[in-house]
C-alpha atoms as a PDB file:
ATOM      1  CA  UNK A   1       0.000   0.000   0.000  1.00  0.00           C
ATOM      2  CA  UNK A   2       1.136   3.573  -0.682  1.00  0.00           C
ATOM      3  CA  UNK A   3      -0.159   6.975   0.415  1.00  0.00           C
ATOM      4  CA  UNK A   4      -2.367   7.385  -2.678  1.00  0.00           C
ATOM      5  CA  UNK A   5      -4.057   4.065  -1.925  1.00  0.00           C
ATOM      6  CA  UNK A   6      -4.644   5.377   1.587  1.00  0.00           C
ATOM      7  CA  UNK A   7      -6.475   8.365   0.121  1.00  0.00           C
ATOM      8  CA  UNK A   8      -3.679  10.956  -0.082  1.00  0.00           C
ATOM      9  CA  UNK A   9      -4.568  13.831  -2.423  1.00  0.00           C
ATOM     10  CA  UNK A  10      -2.504  16.604  -3.981  1.00  0.00           C
ATOM     11  CA  UNK A  11      -4.695  19.148  -2.212  1.00  0.00           C
ATOM     12  CA  UNK A  12      -3.026  18.212   1.078  1.00  0.00           C
ATOM     13  CA  UNK A  13       0.107  19.976  -0.209  1.00  0.00           C
ATOM     14  CA  UNK A  14       3.664  19.044  -1.128  1.00  0.00           C
ATOM     15  CA  UNK A  15       5.377  16.637   1.213  1.00  0.00           C
ATOM     16  CA  UNK A  16       9.153  16.868   1.599  1.00  0.00           C
ATOM     17  CA  UNK A  17      11.317  13.880   2.497  1.00  0.00           C
ATOM     18  CA  UNK A  18      11.745  15.067   6.092  1.00  0.00           C
ATOM     19  CA  UNK A  19       7.983  15.178   6.748  1.00  0.00           C
ATOM     20  CA  UNK A  20       6.381  11.878   7.723  1.00  0.00           C
ATOM     21  CA  UNK A  21       2.600  11.656   7.375  1.00  0.00           C
ATOM     22  CA  UNK A  22       0.117   8.971   8.328  1.00  0.00           C
ATOM     23  CA  UNK A  23      -3.629   8.486   8.311  1.00  0.00           C
ATOM     24  CA  UNK A  24      -5.686   7.891  11.426  1.00  0.00           C
ATOM     25  CA  UNK A  25      -7.462   4.564  10.926  1.00  0.00           C
ATOM     26  CA  UNK A  26      -8.824   4.080  14.433  1.00  0.00           C
ATOM     27  CA  UNK A  27      -9.586   6.278  17.434  1.00  0.00           C
ATOM     28  CA  UNK A  28     -10.967   5.428  20.833  1.00  0.00           C
ATOM     29  CA  UNK A  29     -10.735   7.915  23.685  1.00  0.00           C
ATOM     30  CA  UNK A  30      -7.730   9.667  22.121  1.00  0.00           C
ATOM     31  CA  UNK A  31      -5.889   6.391  21.556  1.00  0.00           C
ATOM     32  CA  UNK A  32      -4.983   6.266  17.871  1.00  0.00           C
ATOM     33  CA  UNK A  33      -3.964   3.662  15.320  1.00  0.00           C
ATOM     34  CA  UNK A  34      -2.061   5.116  12.354  1.00  0.00           C
ATOM     35  CA  UNK A  35      -1.040   3.873   8.905  1.00  0.00           C
ATOM     36  CA  UNK A  36       1.823   5.457   6.938  1.00  0.00           C
ATOM     37  CA  UNK A  37       1.283   3.458   3.748  1.00  0.00           C
ATOM     38  CA  UNK A  38       3.679   0.729   4.887  1.00  0.00           C
ATOM     39  CA  UNK A  39       3.102   0.010   8.556  1.00  0.00           C
ATOM     40  CA  UNK A  40       0.406   0.335  11.172  1.00  0.00           C
ATOM     41  CA  UNK A  41       1.475   1.921  14.456  1.00  0.00           C
ATOM     42  CA  UNK A  42       0.047   3.312  17.644  1.00  0.00           C
ATOM     43  CA  UNK A  43      -0.010   7.067  18.082  1.00  0.00           C
ATOM     44  CA  UNK A  44      -0.571   9.771  20.636  1.00  0.00           C
ATOM     45  CA  UNK A  45      -0.566  13.548  20.388  1.00  0.00           C
ATOM     46  CA  UNK A  46       2.468  15.510  21.565  1.00  0.00           C
ATOM     47  CA  UNK A  47       2.417  17.512  24.771  1.00  0.00           C
ATOM     48  CA  UNK A  48       2.451  20.756  22.760  1.00  0.00           C
ATOM     49  CA  UNK A  49      -0.458  19.535  20.635  1.00  0.00           C
ATOM     50  CA  UNK A  50      -2.454  18.639  23.730  1.00  0.00           C
ATOM     51  CA  UNK A  51      -1.750  22.011  25.348  1.00  0.00           C
ATOM     52  CA  UNK A  52      -2.771  24.004  22.256  1.00  0.00           C
ATOM     53  CA  UNK A  53      -5.964  22.029  21.562  1.00  0.00           C
ATOM     54  CA  UNK A  54      -8.932  24.049  22.810  1.00  0.00           C
ATOM     55  CA  UNK A  55     -11.861  21.787  21.980  1.00  0.00           C
ATOM     56  CA  UNK A  56     -12.591  18.166  21.071  1.00  0.00           C
ATOM     57  CA  UNK A  57     -12.619  18.885  17.323  1.00  0.00           C
ATOM     58  CA  UNK A  58      -8.984  20.062  17.516  1.00  0.00           C
ATOM     59  CA  UNK A  59      -7.902  16.465  18.172  1.00  0.00           C
ATOM     60  CA  UNK A  60      -7.419  13.884  15.384  1.00  0.00           C
ATOM     61  CA  UNK A  61     -10.396  11.928  14.095  1.00  0.00           C
ATOM     62  CA  UNK A  62     -10.611   8.799  11.967  1.00  0.00           C
ATOM     63  CA  UNK A  63      -9.711   9.693   8.382  1.00  0.00           C
ATOM     64  CA  UNK A  64      -7.431  12.566   9.364  1.00  0.00           C
ATOM     65  CA  UNK A  65      -3.989  12.966   7.851  1.00  0.00           C
ATOM     66  CA  UNK A  66      -1.408  13.849  10.495  1.00  0.00           C
ATOM     67  CA  UNK A  67       2.266  14.793  10.606  1.00  0.00           C
ATOM     68  CA  UNK A  68       4.048  12.329  12.869  1.00  0.00           C
ATOM     69  CA  UNK A  69       7.398  11.704  14.516  1.00  0.00           C
ATOM     70  CA  UNK A  70       8.050   7.942  14.542  1.00  0.00           C
ATOM     71  CA  UNK A  71       9.815   6.683  17.680  1.00  0.00           C
ATOM     72  CA  UNK A  72      12.905   4.711  16.774  1.00  0.00           C
ATOM     73  CA  UNK A  73      12.764   1.061  17.762  1.00  0.00           C
ATOM     74  CA  UNK A  74       9.083   1.269  18.693  1.00  0.00           C
ATOM     75  CA  UNK A  75       5.905   0.672  16.748  1.00  0.00           C
ATOM     76  CA  UNK A  76       4.711   4.067  17.905  1.00  0.00           C
ATOM     77  CA  UNK A  77       4.621   7.689  16.751  1.00  0.00           C
ATOM     78  CA  UNK A  78       3.964  11.130  18.190  1.00  0.00           C
ATOM     79  CA  UNK A  79       1.326  13.179  16.359  1.00  0.00           C
ATOM     80  CA  UNK A  80       2.576  16.730  15.803  1.00  0.00           C
ATOM     81  CA  UNK A  81      -0.290  18.295  13.828  1.00  0.00           C
ATOM     82  CA  UNK A  82      -3.365  17.617  11.700  1.00  0.00           C
ATOM     83  CA  UNK A  83      -3.314  18.492   8.011  1.00  0.00           C
ATOM     84  CA  UNK A  84      -6.303  20.541   6.738  1.00  0.00           C
ATOM     85  CA  UNK A  85      -9.443  18.462   6.162  1.00  0.00           C
ATOM     86  CA  UNK A  86     -11.153  18.669   2.763  1.00  0.00           C
ATOM     87  CA  UNK A  87     -14.359  17.290   4.287  1.00  0.00           C
ATOM     88  CA  UNK A  88     -15.609  16.326   7.720  1.00  0.00           C
ATOM     89  CA  UNK A  89     -18.768  14.883   9.154  1.00  0.00           C
ATOM     90  CA  UNK A  90     -19.566  16.642  12.454  1.00  0.00           C
ATOM     91  CA  UNK A  91     -22.306  16.563  15.026  1.00  0.00           C
ATOM     92  CA  UNK A  92     -23.052  18.148  18.375  1.00  0.00           C
ATOM     93  CA  UNK A  93     -21.161  16.111  20.950  1.00  0.00           C
ATOM     94  CA  UNK A  94     -23.257  13.919  23.234  1.00  0.00           C
ATOM     95  CA  UNK A  95     -23.975  15.374  26.668  1.00  0.00           C
ATOM     96  CA  UNK A  96     -24.781  18.852  27.920  1.00  0.00           C
ATOM     97  CA  UNK A  97     -21.540  20.491  26.774  1.00  0.00           C
ATOM     98  CA  UNK A  98     -21.770  22.517  23.548  1.00  0.00           C
ATOM     99  CA  UNK A  99     -18.920  21.052  21.522  1.00  0.00           C
ATOM    100  CA  UNK A 100     -18.305  19.840  17.986  1.00  0.00           C
ATOM    101  CA  UNK A 101     -17.474  16.179  17.511  1.00  0.00           C
ATOM    102  CA  UNK A 102     -15.789  15.302  14.213  1.00  0.00           C
ATOM    103  CA  UNK A 103     -17.027  11.783  13.499  1.00  0.00           C
ATOM    104  CA  UNK A 104     -15.042  11.207  10.269  1.00  0.00           C
ATOM    105  CA  UNK A 105     -12.664  13.311   8.173  1.00  0.00           C
ATOM    106  CA  UNK A 106     -11.491  13.427   4.550  1.00  0.00           C
ATOM    107  CA  UNK A 107     -14.391  11.376   3.204  1.00  0.00           C
ATOM    108  CA  UNK A 108     -15.450  11.311  -0.447  1.00  0.00           C
ATOM    109  CA  UNK A 109     -18.930   9.849   0.015  1.00  0.00           C
ATOM    110  CA  UNK A 110     -21.364   9.477   2.906  1.00  0.00           C
ATOM    111  CA  UNK A 111     -23.524   6.371   2.730  1.00  0.00           C
ATOM    112  CA  UNK A 112     -26.781   7.330   4.459  1.00  0.00           C
ATOM    113  CA  UNK A 113     -27.959   3.928   5.663  1.00  0.00           C
ATOM    114  CA  UNK A 114     -31.628   3.405   6.512  1.00  0.00           C
ATOM    115  CA  UNK A 115     -33.554   0.168   6.918  1.00  0.00           C
ATOM    116  CA  UNK A 116     -36.683  -0.609   4.907  1.00  0.00           C
ATOM    117  CA  UNK A 117     -38.448  -2.273   7.841  1.00  0.00           C
ATOM    118  CA  UNK A 118     -40.336  -0.624  10.737  1.00  0.00           C
ATOM    119  CA  UNK A 119     -37.381   1.693  11.464  1.00  0.00           C
ATOM    120  CA  UNK A 120     -37.910   3.511   8.146  1.00  0.00           C
ATOM    121  CA  UNK A 121     -38.163   7.251   8.915  1.00  0.00           C
ATOM    122  CA  UNK A 122     -38.214   9.827   6.122  1.00  0.00           C
ATOM    123  CA  UNK A 123     -37.878  12.768   8.535  1.00  0.00           C
ATOM    124  CA  UNK A 124     -34.684  11.282   9.965  1.00  0.00           C
ATOM    125  CA  UNK A 125     -33.332  10.891   6.438  1.00  0.00           C
ATOM    126  CA  UNK A 126     -33.875  14.627   5.827  1.00  0.00           C
ATOM    127  CA  UNK A 127     -31.708  15.344   8.866  1.00  0.00           C
ATOM    128  CA  UNK A 128     -29.001  12.971   7.648  1.00  0.00           C
ATOM    129  CA  UNK A 129     -29.042  14.576   4.199  1.00  0.00           C
ATOM    130  CA  UNK A 130     -28.479  17.991   5.761  1.00  0.00           C
ATOM    131  CA  UNK A 131     -25.495  16.679   7.741  1.00  0.00           C
ATOM    132  CA  UNK A 132     -24.072  14.994   4.626  1.00  0.00           C
ATOM    133  CA  UNK A 133     -24.305  18.171   2.529  1.00  0.00           C
ATOM    134  CA  UNK A 134     -22.667  20.127   5.360  1.00  0.00           C
ATOM    135  CA  UNK A 135     -19.782  17.643   5.529  1.00  0.00           C
ATOM    136  CA  UNK A 136     -18.534  18.469   2.035  1.00  0.00           C
ATOM    137  CA  UNK A 137     -18.822  14.821   0.952  1.00  0.00           C
ATOM    138  CA  UNK A 138     -21.323  13.503  -1.596  1.00  0.00           C
ATOM    139  CA  UNK A 139     -24.375  11.733  -0.117  1.00  0.00           C
ATOM    140  CA  UNK A 140     -25.523   8.321  -1.333  1.00  0.00           C
ATOM    141  CA  UNK A 141     -28.611   6.667   0.150  1.00  0.00           C
ATOM    142  CA  UNK A 142     -28.371   2.944   0.909  1.00  0.00           C
ATOM    143  CA  UNK A 143     -31.654   1.313   1.937  1.00  0.00           C
ATOM    144  CA  UNK A 144     -30.989  -1.965   3.739  1.00  0.00           C
ATOM    145  CA  UNK A 145     -33.108  -5.015   4.640  1.00  0.00           C
ATOM    146  CA  UNK A 146     -34.757  -5.052   1.244  1.00  0.00           C
ATOM    147  CA  UNK A 147     -35.970  -8.593   1.938  1.00  0.00           C
ATOM    148  CA  UNK A 148     -38.088  -7.342   4.855  1.00  0.00           C
ATOM    149  CA  UNK A 149     -39.923  -4.681   2.849  1.00  0.00           C
ATOM    150  CA  UNK A 150     -43.368  -5.493   1.451  1.00  0.00           C
ATOM    151  CA  UNK A 151     -43.965  -2.072  -0.146  1.00  0.00           C
ATOM    152  CA  UNK A 152     -40.630  -1.295  -1.803  1.00  0.00           C
ATOM    153  CA  UNK A 153     -42.137   0.837  -4.584  1.00  0.00           C
ATOM    154  CA  UNK A 154     -43.879   3.147  -2.091  1.00  0.00           C
ATOM    155  CA  UNK A 155     -40.761   3.435   0.100  1.00  0.00           C
ATOM    156  CA  UNK A 156     -38.592   4.311  -2.891  1.00  0.00           C
ATOM    157  CA  UNK A 157     -41.099   6.968  -3.983  1.00  0.00           C
ATOM    158  CA  UNK A 158     -40.984   8.547  -0.507  1.00  0.00           C
ATOM    159  CA  UNK A 159     -37.194   8.736  -0.581  1.00  0.00           C
ATOM    160  CA  UNK A 160     -37.055  10.067  -4.140  1.00  0.00           C
ATOM    161  CA  UNK A 161     -39.498  12.795  -3.152  1.00  0.00           C
ATOM    162  CA  UNK A 162     -37.077  14.304  -0.600  1.00  0.00           C
ATOM    163  CA  UNK A 163     -33.648  13.319  -2.001  1.00  0.00           C
ATOM    164  CA  UNK A 164     -33.412  15.223  -5.270  1.00  0.00           C
ATOM    165  CA  UNK A 165     -30.494  14.072  -7.427  1.00  0.00           C
ATOM    166  CA  UNK A 166     -29.074  11.778  -4.725  1.00  0.00           C
ATOM    167  CA  UNK A 167     -28.241   8.205  -5.837  1.00  0.00           C
ATOM    168  CA  UNK A 168     -30.480   5.658  -4.077  1.00  0.00           C
ATOM    169  CA  UNK A 169     -29.675   1.955  -3.761  1.00  0.00           C
ATOM    170  CA  UNK A 170     -31.498  -0.940  -2.110  1.00  0.00           C
ATOM    171  CA  UNK A 171     -29.573  -3.896  -0.712  1.00  0.00           C
ATOM    172  CA  UNK A 172     -29.975  -7.162   1.100  1.00  0.00           C
ATOM    173  CA  UNK A 173     -26.649  -7.432   2.899  1.00  0.00           C
ATOM    174  CA  UNK A 174     -27.255 -10.992   4.074  1.00  0.00           C
ATOM    175  CA  UNK A 175     -27.272 -12.476   0.560  1.00  0.00           C
ATOM    176  CA  UNK A 176     -25.268  -9.743  -1.215  1.00  0.00           C
ATOM    177  CA  UNK A 177     -28.102  -8.422  -3.389  1.00  0.00           C
ATOM    178  CA  UNK A 178     -27.299  -4.863  -4.489  1.00  0.00           C
ATOM    179  CA  UNK A 179     -23.778  -4.846  -3.003  1.00  0.00           C
ATOM    180  CA  UNK A 180     -22.025  -4.865  -6.398  1.00  0.00           C
ATOM    181  CA  UNK A 181     -23.751  -1.613  -7.395  1.00  0.00           C
ATOM    182  CA  UNK A 182     -22.497   0.356  -4.379  1.00  0.00           C
ATOM    183  CA  UNK A 183     -19.055  -1.253  -4.666  1.00  0.00           C
ATOM    184  CA  UNK A 184     -18.632   0.853  -7.825  1.00  0.00           C
ATOM    185  CA  UNK A 185     -18.152   3.912  -5.593  1.00  0.00           C
ATOM    186  CA  UNK A 186     -15.446   2.214  -3.535  1.00  0.00           C
ATOM    187  CA  UNK A 187     -12.542   2.570  -5.943  1.00  0.00           C
ATOM    188  CA  UNK A 188      -8.855   2.679  -4.965  1.00  0.00           C
ATOM    189  CA  UNK A 189      -8.112   5.537  -2.565  1.00  0.00           C
ATOM    190  CA  UNK A 190     -11.787   6.464  -2.083  1.00  0.00           C
ATOM    191  CA  UNK A 191     -13.122   6.861   1.450  1.00  0.00           C
ATOM    192  CA  UNK A 192     -16.755   6.345   2.443  1.00  0.00           C
ATOM    193  CA  UNK A 193     -18.347   6.931   5.838  1.00  0.00           C
ATOM    194  CA  UNK A 194     -21.424   5.023   7.009  1.00  0.00           C
ATOM    195  CA  UNK A 195     -24.082   7.107   8.747  1.00  0.00           C
ATOM    196  CA  UNK A 196     -27.200   5.591  10.231  1.00  0.00           C
ATOM    197  CA  UNK A 197     -29.074   4.893  13.434  1.00  0.00           C
ATOM    198  CA  UNK A 198     -28.716   1.743  15.524  1.00  0.00           C
ATOM    199  CA  UNK A 199     -30.261  -1.364  14.014  1.00  0.00           C
ATOM    200  CA  UNK A 200     -30.257  -0.299  10.348  1.00  0.00           C
ATOM    201  CA  UNK A 201     -27.691  -2.942   9.416  1.00  0.00           C
ATOM    202  CA  UNK A 202     -24.496  -0.918   9.034  1.00  0.00           C
ATOM    203  CA  UNK A 203     -22.318  -3.679  10.461  1.00  0.00           C
ATOM    204  CA  UNK A 204     -23.960  -6.299   8.226  1.00  0.00           C
ATOM    205  CA  UNK A 205     -23.485  -3.978   5.236  1.00  0.00           C
ATOM    206  CA  UNK A 206     -19.819  -3.470   6.124  1.00  0.00           C
ATOM    207  CA  UNK A 207     -19.277  -7.241   6.394  1.00  0.00           C
ATOM    208  CA  UNK A 208     -20.851  -7.663   2.944  1.00  0.00           C
ATOM    209  CA  UNK A 209     -18.552  -4.998   1.467  1.00  0.00           C
ATOM    210  CA  UNK A 210     -15.470  -6.546   3.042  1.00  0.00           C
ATOM    211  CA  UNK A 211     -16.527 -10.072   2.141  1.00  0.00           C
ATOM    212  CA  UNK A 212     -15.996 -11.482   5.620  1.00  0.00           C
ATOM    213  CA  UNK A 213     -17.288 -11.138   9.190  1.00  0.00           C
ATOM    214  CA  UNK A 214     -15.347  -8.148  10.547  1.00  0.00           C
ATOM    215  CA  UNK A 215     -18.013  -6.448  12.644  1.00  0.00           C
ATOM    216  CA  UNK A 216     -20.267  -8.128  15.182  1.00  0.00           C
ATOM    217  CA  UNK A 217     -24.001  -7.917  14.498  1.00  0.00           C
ATOM    218  CA  UNK A 218     -27.026  -8.161  16.776  1.00  0.00           C
ATOM    219  CA  UNK A 219     -30.664  -9.060  16.320  1.00  0.00           C
ATOM    220  CA  UNK A 220     -32.950  -6.013  16.516  1.00  0.00           C
ATOM    221  CA  UNK A 221     -35.912  -5.767  18.896  1.00  0.00           C
ATOM    222  CA  UNK A 222     -39.227  -7.141  17.766  1.00  0.00           C
ATOM    223  CA  UNK A 223     -42.015  -4.595  17.421  1.00  0.00           C
ATOM    224  CA  UNK A 224     -40.055  -1.484  16.454  1.00  0.00           C
ATOM    225  CA  UNK A 225     -36.961  -3.013  14.789  1.00  0.00           C
ATOM    226  CA  UNK A 226     -34.646  -0.816  16.873  1.00  0.00           C
ATOM    227  CA  UNK A 227     -31.166  -2.131  17.529  1.00  0.00           C
ATOM    228  CA  UNK A 228     -28.312  -1.823  19.986  1.00  0.00           C
ATOM    229  CA  UNK A 229     -24.925  -0.252  19.312  1.00  0.00           C
ATOM    230  CA  UNK A 230     -22.705  -3.024  17.930  1.00  0.00           C
ATOM    231  CA  UNK A 231     -19.960  -0.614  16.783  1.00  0.00           C
ATOM    232  CA  UNK A 232     -18.353   0.959  19.856  1.00  0.00           C
ATOM    233  CA  UNK A 233     -15.739   3.171  18.219  1.00  0.00           C
ATOM    234  CA  UNK A 234     -14.807   4.690  14.878  1.00  0.00           C
ATOM    235  CA  UNK A 235     -12.545   2.692  12.596  1.00  0.00           C
ATOM    236  CA  UNK A 236     -11.405   2.707   8.963  1.00  0.00           C
ATOM    237  CA  UNK A 237     -11.618  -0.610   7.109  1.00  0.00           C
ATOM    238  CA  UNK A 238      -9.830  -1.559   3.877  1.00  0.00           C
ATOM    239  CA  UNK A 239     -11.953  -3.196   1.191  1.00  0.00           C
ATOM    240  CA  UNK A 240     -11.051  -5.688  -1.569  1.00  0.00           C
ATOM    241  CA  UNK A 241     -11.955  -2.996  -4.135  1.00  0.00           C
ATOM    242  CA  UNK A 242      -9.165  -0.742  -2.842  1.00  0.00           C
ATOM    243  CA  UNK A 243     -11.635   1.653  -1.236  1.00  0.00           C
ATOM    244  CA  UNK A 244     -12.033   2.363   2.461  1.00  0.00           C
ATOM    245  CA  UNK A 245     -15.041   2.546   4.773  1.00  0.00           C
ATOM    246  CA  UNK A 246     -15.218   4.413   8.078  1.00  0.00           C
ATOM    247  CA  UNK A 247     -17.724   2.715  10.344  1.00  0.00           C
ATOM    248  CA  UNK A 248     -19.243   4.757  13.153  1.00  0.00           C
ATOM    249  CA  UNK A 249     -21.398   3.851  16.144  1.00  0.00           C
ATOM    250  CA  UNK A 250     -25.137   3.999  15.441  1.00  0.00           C
ATOM    251  CA  UNK A 251     -26.881   7.132  16.672  1.00  0.00           C
ATOM    252  CA  UNK A 252     -30.223   7.245  18.450  1.00  0.00           C
ATOM    253  CA  UNK A 253     -30.340  10.984  17.795  1.00  0.00           C
ATOM    254  CA  UNK A 254     -28.143  13.058  15.516  1.00  0.00           C
ATOM    255  CA  UNK A 255     -27.841  16.545  16.975  1.00  0.00           C
ATOM    256  CA  UNK A 256     -26.953  19.132  14.344  1.00  0.00           C
ATOM    257  CA  UNK A 257     -23.759  21.161  14.591  1.00  0.00           C
ATOM    258  CA  UNK A 258     -24.071  23.192  11.384  1.00  0.00           C
ATOM    259  CA  UNK A 259     -25.712  23.211   7.998  1.00  0.00           C
ATOM    260  CA  UNK A 260     -27.768  26.392   7.678  1.00  0.00           C
ATOM    261  CA  UNK A 261     -26.106  27.247   4.361  1.00  0.00           C
ATOM    262  CA  UNK A 262     -27.057  23.787   3.038  1.00  0.00           C
ATOM    263  CA  UNK A 263     -30.710  23.809   4.077  1.00  0.00           C
ATOM    264  CA  UNK A 264     -31.672  24.914   0.555  1.00  0.00           C
ATOM    265  CA  UNK A 265     -29.953  21.836  -0.906  1.00  0.00           C
ATOM    266  CA  UNK A 266     -31.779  19.525   1.490  1.00  0.00           C
ATOM    267  CA  UNK A 267     -35.131  21.253   0.941  1.00  0.00           C
ATOM    268  CA  UNK A 268     -34.725  22.443  -2.640  1.00  0.00           C
ATOM    269  CA  UNK A 269     -38.450  21.923  -3.321  1.00  0.00           C
ATOM    270  CA  UNK A 270     -39.442  24.266  -0.480  1.00  0.00           C
ATOM    271  CA  UNK A 271     -36.710  26.719  -1.486  1.00  0.00           C
ATOM    272  CA  UNK A 272     -37.880  26.874  -5.111  1.00  0.00           C
ATOM    273  CA  UNK A 273     -41.497  27.419  -4.068  1.00  0.00           C
ATOM    274  CA  UNK A 274     -40.455  30.134  -1.598  1.00  0.00           C
ATOM    275  CA  UNK A 275     -38.972  32.142  -4.486  1.00  0.00           C
ATOM    276  CA  UNK A 276     -42.504  32.411  -5.915  1.00  0.00           C
ATOM    277  CA  UNK A 277     -44.012  33.840  -2.716  1.00  0.00           C
ATOM    278  CA  UNK A 278     -45.424  37.371  -2.898  1.00  0.00           C
ATOM    279  CA  UNK A 279     -43.172  38.538  -0.041  1.00  0.00           C
ATOM    280  CA  UNK A 280     -39.438  37.769   0.032  1.00  0.00           C
ATOM    281  CA  UNK A 281     -39.524  37.355   3.832  1.00  0.00           C
ATOM    282  CA  UNK A 282     -42.573  35.076   3.751  1.00  0.00           C
ATOM    283  CA  UNK A 283     -42.776  32.739   6.752  1.00  0.00           C
ATOM    284  CA  UNK A 284     -45.226  30.438   4.911  1.00  0.00           C
ATOM    285  CA  UNK A 285     -47.834  30.778   7.630  1.00  0.00           C
ATOM    286  CA  UNK A 286     -50.577  33.401   7.107  1.00  0.00           C
ATOM    287  CA  UNK A 287     -49.149  35.720   4.456  1.00  0.00           C
ATOM    288  CA  UNK A 288     -51.206  36.268   1.283  1.00  0.00           C
ATOM    289  CA  UNK A 289     -49.677  35.018  -1.946  1.00  0.00           C
ATOM    290  CA  UNK A 290     -47.650  32.264  -0.267  1.00  0.00           C
ATOM    291  CA  UNK A 291     -46.627  29.752  -2.936  1.00  0.00           C
ATOM    292  CA  UNK A 292     -45.555  27.177  -0.323  1.00  0.00           C
ATOM    293  CA  UNK A 293     -48.950  27.121   1.424  1.00  0.00           C
ATOM    294  CA  UNK A 294     -50.662  27.026  -1.965  1.00  0.00           C
ATOM    295  CA  UNK A 295     -48.572  23.982  -2.974  1.00  0.00           C
ATOM    296  CA  UNK A 296     -49.642  22.209   0.224  1.00  0.00           C
ATOM    297  CA  UNK A 297     -53.304  22.986  -0.441  1.00  0.00           C
ATOM    298  CA  UNK A 298     -52.942  21.699  -4.007  1.00  0.00           C
ATOM    299  CA  UNK A 299     -51.333  18.476  -2.789  1.00  0.00           C
ATOM    300  CA  UNK A 300     -48.021  19.305  -4.505  1.00  0.00           C
ATOM    301  CA  UNK A 301     -46.096  19.517  -1.210  1.00  0.00           C
ATOM    302  CA  UNK A 302     -46.476  17.402   1.927  1.00  0.00           C
ATOM    303  CA  UNK A 303     -47.292  19.571   4.968  1.00  0.00           C
ATOM    304  CA  UNK A 304     -44.929  17.396   7.039  1.00  0.00           C
ATOM    305  CA  UNK A 305     -42.140  18.395   4.682  1.00  0.00           C
ATOM    306  CA  UNK A 306     -42.678  22.061   5.604  1.00  0.00           C
ATOM    307  CA  UNK A 307     -42.910  21.154   9.298  1.00  0.00           C
ATOM    308  CA  UNK A 308     -39.598  19.302   9.067  1.00  0.00           C
ATOM    309  CA  UNK A 309     -38.010  22.298   7.317  1.00  0.00           C
ATOM    310  CA  UNK A 310     -39.169  24.653  10.086  1.00  0.00           C
ATOM    311  CA  UNK A 311     -38.040  22.274  12.828  1.00  0.00           C
ATOM    312  CA  UNK A 312     -34.522  21.961  11.396  1.00  0.00           C
ATOM    313  CA  UNK A 313     -34.283  25.733  10.877  1.00  0.00           C
ATOM    314  CA  UNK A 314     -35.234  26.319  14.539  1.00  0.00           C
ATOM    315  CA  UNK A 315     -32.736  23.699  15.666  1.00  0.00           C
ATOM    316  CA  UNK A 316     -29.942  25.250  13.592  1.00  0.00           C
ATOM    317  CA  UNK A 317     -30.695  28.712  14.988  1.00  0.00           C
ATOM    318  CA  UNK A 318     -30.642  27.340  18.545  1.00  0.00           C
ATOM    319  CA  UNK A 319     -27.365  25.473  17.913  1.00  0.00           C
ATOM    320  CA  UNK A 320     -25.770  28.648  16.523  1.00  0.00           C
ATOM    321  CA  UNK A 321     -26.720  30.639  19.627  1.00  0.00           C
ATOM    322  CA  UNK A 322     -25.253  27.941  21.884  1.00  0.00           C
ATOM    323  CA  UNK A 323     -22.065  27.756  19.822  1.00  0.00           C
ATOM    324  CA  UNK A 324     -21.542  31.530  19.953  1.00  0.00           C
ATOM    325  CA  UNK A 325     -21.825  31.454  23.736  1.00  0.00           C
ATOM    326  CA  UNK A 326     -19.501  28.447  23.933  1.00  0.00           C
ATOM    327  CA  UNK A 327     -16.848  30.096  21.715  1.00  0.00           C
ATOM    328  CA  UNK A 328     -16.917  33.218  23.869  1.00  0.00           C
ATOM    329  CA  UNK A 329     -16.374  31.088  26.975  1.00  0.00           C
ATOM    330  CA  UNK A 330     -13.487  29.172  25.350  1.00  0.00           C
ATOM    331  CA  UNK A 331     -11.796  32.426  24.326  1.00  0.00           C
ATOM    332  CA  UNK A 332     -12.192  33.798  27.851  1.00  0.00           C
ATOM    333  CA  UNK A 333     -10.707  30.627  29.384  1.00  0.00           C
ATOM    334  CA  UNK A 334      -7.801  30.802  26.917  1.00  0.00           C
ATOM    335  CA  UNK A 335      -6.812  34.323  27.961  1.00  0.00           C
ATOM    336  CA  UNK A 336      -7.186  33.401  31.620  1.00  0.00           C
ATOM    337  CA  UNK A 337      -4.710  30.598  31.015  1.00  0.00           C
ATOM    338  CA  UNK A 338      -2.258  32.864  29.161  1.00  0.00           C
ATOM    339  CA  UNK A 339      -2.543  35.540  31.859  1.00  0.00           C
ATOM    340  CA  UNK A 340      -1.879  32.995  34.582  1.00  0.00           C
ATOM    341  CA  UNK A 341       1.236  31.751  32.759  1.00  0.00           C
ATOM    342  CA  UNK A 342       2.526  35.319  32.304  1.00  0.00           C
ATOM    343  CA  UNK A 343       1.972  36.126  35.989  1.00  0.00           C
ATOM    344  CA  UNK A 344       3.813  32.939  36.992  1.00  0.00           C
ATOM    345  CA  UNK A 345       6.785  33.866  34.792  1.00  0.00           C
ATOM    346  CA  UNK A 346       6.849  37.420  36.167  1.00  0.00           C
ATOM    347  CA  UNK A 347       6.781  36.090  39.720  1.00  0.00           C
ATOM    348  CA  UNK A 348       9.764  33.849  39.026  1.00  0.00           C
END
């Protein structure tokens, strides 16, 4: 394997002979596994790196390219810095703290995985599409458990109605049906991230792509087809096609971190109708000459589609307010730290 097969691109910049780079292929609680195109090794960030990192997103994530200092005689390296990411899939970190969590970096495609059984949720798919557009990677919808779906035509129509121009594939990962079609995206050096809730069959899909049992799978609950987390950490897997897949733990709820500038891509139908409204600042509620409300009355637009649009817009606005407050607090803490260091030096 060489760096290009690992996904190295010219956009990362020129690399001189003195600079050693590697890709993060696994991360669990800031314990990293790296690959330099020849060897796998363990890695940890340098003391300087750790000191300068302000927030969680400053630390390496799976898919990142990092500059390293290999330790002679050890299968280990010190991570000195992260190279700029050309794409990243982020979400609001779990818990009460307002903080960005980079789930996967430097990805070419995001496979939005959703099951065709009772866990099918078109509103959740809208949210995932927004996150995918915001990541900078190209979204591809993969509908799993095709064998458990009795109304495939209707399900496909629902997805096509909200995913304009996005490739849509149906698969049965247990017998390999449909796997060859999505393998066409997984060419040499291409990186894909899997995004989906628990129980949609991401681990089974990954095993089908790899061609062997790499990830453990679990039976979903009867009644609602919800599953448990079988993937406990993020990891990059190498495929027979030469492509790579980053598997991530399933998410019960995907809290948005950003995406306001991509809302028009996710809801292009609502956006196009809004341009026909009588007033440019139309809220699509009680204003006269509202093309969006007219489309709903005519049956051209689902009212739930508009409700979903409003909900995501409110959530994005709320997230932005929280992030602004969090950034101000981080900046204040930073200068407190610098001031304390300066006072200590002056005292000495």
